[in-house]
Amino acid sequence: MCAALVGGLTTFCVSLAAHVIVWRVRRPESYRLWLPILGVVFGPVALAVAWLVAPTPMHATAVLLLHGTLAAVYIIGYTLVSAFSPSVELLKLLDRNPAGIPASALHVPSLAGALTVDRIDNLKAAGLVCEDAGRLKLGHRGTLMTNMVLLYRHAIGLRDGGGG
C-alpha cells in the first residue's frame, strides 16, 4: 500500500514537472491546444511513468488510480485558475492599490459589465475584500488567495491578465 501511495505521488509529481517544463518552454496559445496537451502529459506519459515505478501490474493499477484522481482535480483546478475571472481581476486590482480605492471608482477595462454589487458583496462576505471608509481593500483571505494564484501562474509561465 505504501509503495502504491509513493508511486502515485511520484507519478503525479513527474507529470506536474513535465507540465511546468512544457509550459515554460512553449505555452500553448489556446484552450483547444493546452487541454489535450494536459491530457497527454497526465495520461499516456503518466502511464509510462507508472509502469516504471510500480513493481507489479496490480501496483501499477493502484498507482494510476491515485494519480488519476490527483490529475483530474489538478486539470479541473488548472482550468479554473488559468481562465479569466472577474473576481481574481478585482483582487489583483486591489492588491496593486494597498490604500484601497472607492467602489464608485472601480474601473478594470476587462471587467466592463462583469463587476456588480452582488459580486462585491460576495467577495466581502467571503473575507476576500473589505470596505473601510467607503474604499474597497484586499482582505486577509484575498491577499492569501491572490498571492497563491499569482505565484502559481508565474511558476508555470502565465502572464497576468490572460488565460491559458
Protein backbone atom coordinates (compact mmCIF):
# COMPACT_ATOMS: atom_id res chain seq x y z
CA MET A 1 0.00 0.00 0.00
CA CYS A 2 2.82 2.42 0.86
CA ALA A 3 4.50 1.62 -2.47
CA ALA A 4 1.28 2.49 -4.31
CA LEU A 5 0.98 5.77 -2.41
CA VAL A 6 4.59 6.74 -3.11
CA GLY A 7 4.28 5.59 -6.72
CA GLY A 8 1.07 7.55 -7.27
CA LEU A 9 2.52 10.72 -5.77
CA THR A 10 5.75 10.25 -7.75
CA THR A 11 3.82 9.75 -10.98
CA PHE A 12 1.75 12.86 -10.33
CA CYS A 13 4.83 14.95 -9.44
CA VAL A 14 6.64 13.80 -12.60
CA SER A 15 3.57 14.70 -14.67
CA LEU A 16 3.32 18.07 -12.94
CA ALA A 17 7.01 18.74 -13.59
CA ALA A 18 6.54 17.80 -17.26
CA HIS A 19 3.56 20.17 -17.46
CA VAL A 20 5.54 23.06 -15.98
CA ILE A 21 8.53 22.39 -18.27
CA VAL A 22 6.35 22.23 -21.39
CA TRP A 23 4.54 25.45 -20.41
CA ARG A 24 7.87 27.18 -19.68
CA VAL A 25 9.41 26.13 -22.99
CA ARG A 26 6.38 26.94 -25.13
CA ARG A 27 2.98 27.55 -23.62
CA PRO A 28 0.12 26.52 -25.92
CA GLU A 29 -1.86 29.56 -27.04
CA SER A 30 -5.41 28.29 -26.85
CA TYR A 31 -7.66 26.09 -24.77
CA ARG A 32 -8.08 23.83 -27.79
CA LEU A 33 -4.35 23.09 -27.63
CA TRP A 34 -3.49 23.12 -23.95
CA LEU A 35 -6.28 20.87 -22.73
CA PRO A 36 -5.27 17.95 -24.99
CA ILE A 37 -1.61 18.51 -24.06
CA LEU A 38 -2.53 18.30 -20.37
CA GLY A 39 -4.40 15.09 -21.20
CA VAL A 40 -1.28 13.62 -22.82
CA VAL A 41 1.05 14.74 -20.01
CA PHE A 42 -1.24 13.39 -17.29
CA GLY A 43 -2.42 10.39 -19.35
CA PRO A 44 -0.03 8.36 -21.53
CA VAL A 45 3.11 9.97 -20.08
CA ALA A 46 1.88 9.15 -16.58
CA LEU A 47 1.00 5.61 -17.68
CA ALA A 48 4.60 5.11 -18.81
CA VAL A 49 5.93 6.50 -15.52
CA ALA A 50 3.54 4.28 -13.53
CA TRP A 51 4.77 1.16 -15.30
CA LEU A 52 8.35 2.18 -14.49
CA VAL A 53 7.77 2.86 -10.77
CA ALA A 54 5.35 0.03 -9.99
CA PRO A 55 6.79 -3.45 -9.34
CA THR A 56 3.65 -5.35 -10.43
CA PRO A 57 0.62 -4.70 -12.65
CA MET A 58 -1.59 -4.56 -9.53
CA HIS A 59 0.62 -1.87 -8.03
CA ALA A 60 0.60 -0.01 -11.35
CA THR A 61 -3.19 -0.03 -11.25
CA ALA A 62 -3.19 1.37 -7.71
CA VAL A 63 -0.60 3.99 -8.71
CA LEU A 64 -2.72 5.04 -11.69
CA LEU A 65 -5.88 5.24 -9.57
CA LEU A 66 -4.22 7.68 -7.18
CA HIS A 67 -2.53 9.57 -10.00
CA GLY A 68 -5.76 9.73 -12.00
CA THR A 69 -7.63 11.23 -9.07
CA LEU A 70 -4.96 13.84 -8.43
CA ALA A 71 -4.61 14.59 -12.15
CA ALA A 72 -8.37 15.08 -12.61
CA VAL A 73 -8.52 17.53 -9.70
CA TYR A 74 -5.42 19.33 -10.99
CA ILE A 75 -6.71 19.67 -14.57
CA ILE A 76 -10.06 20.99 -13.34
CA GLY A 77 -8.29 23.37 -10.95
CA TYR A 78 -5.89 24.48 -13.68
CA THR A 79 -8.81 25.28 -15.94
CA LEU A 80 -10.33 27.44 -13.20
CA VAL A 81 -7.11 29.24 -12.26
CA SER A 82 -5.98 29.87 -15.84
CA ALA A 83 -9.30 31.22 -17.08
CA PHE A 84 -10.32 34.86 -16.87
CA SER A 85 -12.08 35.56 -13.60
CA PRO A 86 -13.65 38.92 -12.78
CA SER A 87 -13.19 38.21 -9.07
CA VAL A 88 -9.48 37.45 -9.46
CA GLU A 89 -9.06 40.58 -11.62
CA LEU A 90 -10.71 42.66 -8.87
CA LEU A 91 -8.45 41.08 -6.23
CA LYS A 92 -5.36 41.83 -8.35
CA LEU A 93 -6.50 45.45 -8.81
CA LEU A 94 -6.93 45.85 -5.06
CA ASP A 95 -3.55 44.16 -4.49
CA ARG A 96 -1.93 46.87 -6.65
CA ASN A 97 -3.69 49.57 -4.58
CA PRO A 98 -2.99 48.78 -0.90
CA ALA A 99 -4.59 52.03 0.26
CA GLY A 100 -7.82 50.88 -1.35
CA ILE A 101 -9.99 52.54 -3.95
CA PRO A 102 -13.54 53.86 -3.78
CA ALA A 103 -16.04 51.32 -5.02
CA SER A 104 -17.54 54.00 -7.25
CA ALA A 105 -14.14 54.48 -8.94
CA LEU A 106 -13.60 50.83 -9.80
CA HIS A 107 -12.56 50.58 -13.39
CA VAL A 108 -10.98 47.46 -14.77
CA PRO A 109 -11.26 47.52 -18.59
CA SER A 110 -11.70 43.77 -18.89
CA LEU A 111 -14.49 43.78 -16.29
CA ALA A 112 -16.98 46.02 -18.08
CA GLY A 113 -20.39 44.65 -17.12
CA ALA A 114 -18.96 41.76 -15.06
CA LEU A 115 -18.38 43.65 -11.81
CA THR A 116 -21.63 44.03 -9.93
CA VAL A 117 -22.75 44.97 -6.46
CA ASP A 118 -23.61 41.31 -5.83
CA ARG A 119 -20.08 40.19 -6.76
CA ILE A 120 -18.55 42.76 -4.40
CA ASP A 121 -20.98 41.70 -1.65
CA ASN A 122 -19.99 38.06 -2.19
CA LEU A 123 -16.29 38.93 -2.00
CA LYS A 124 -16.90 40.89 1.21
CA ALA A 125 -18.88 38.01 2.74
CA ALA A 126 -16.04 35.62 1.90
CA GLY A 127 -13.48 37.91 3.53
CA LEU A 128 -11.63 38.44 0.26
CA VAL A 129 -12.25 42.20 0.26
CA CYS A 130 -13.27 44.63 2.96
CA GLU A 131 -14.62 48.15 2.95
CA ASP A 132 -13.03 50.87 5.03
CA ALA A 133 -14.43 54.41 4.90
CA GLY A 134 -16.08 53.72 1.55
CA ARG A 135 -12.93 52.24 0.00
CA LEU A 136 -12.55 48.61 -1.03
CA LYS A 137 -9.35 46.94 0.11
CA LEU A 138 -7.96 43.48 -0.23
CA GLY A 139 -8.88 41.43 2.84
CA HIS A 140 -6.55 38.96 4.54
CA ARG A 141 -8.04 35.97 2.72
CA GLY A 142 -7.97 37.94 -0.55
CA THR A 143 -4.26 38.65 -0.10
CA LEU A 144 -3.54 34.97 0.52
CA MET A 145 -5.61 33.86 -2.45
CA THR A 146 -4.17 36.50 -4.80
CA ASN A 147 -0.60 35.63 -3.79
CA MET A 148 -1.25 31.89 -4.23
CA VAL A 149 -2.87 32.30 -7.67
CA LEU A 150 -0.19 34.70 -8.91
CA LEU A 151 2.63 32.51 -7.57
CA TYR A 152 1.17 29.51 -9.37
CA ARG A 153 0.51 31.43 -12.61
CA HIS A 154 4.06 32.84 -12.61
CA ALA A 155 5.56 29.43 -11.78
CA ILE A 156 4.03 27.90 -14.90
CA GLY A 157 4.81 30.92 -17.06
CA LEU A 158 1.41 32.59 -17.40
CA ARG A 159 1.30 36.37 -17.62
CA ASP A 160 -1.09 38.45 -15.53
CA GLY A 161 -4.39 39.32 -17.15
CA GLY A 162 -4.55 36.49 -19.64
CA GLY A 163 -5.88 32.97 -19.80
CA GLY A 164 -4.12 29.82 -20.96
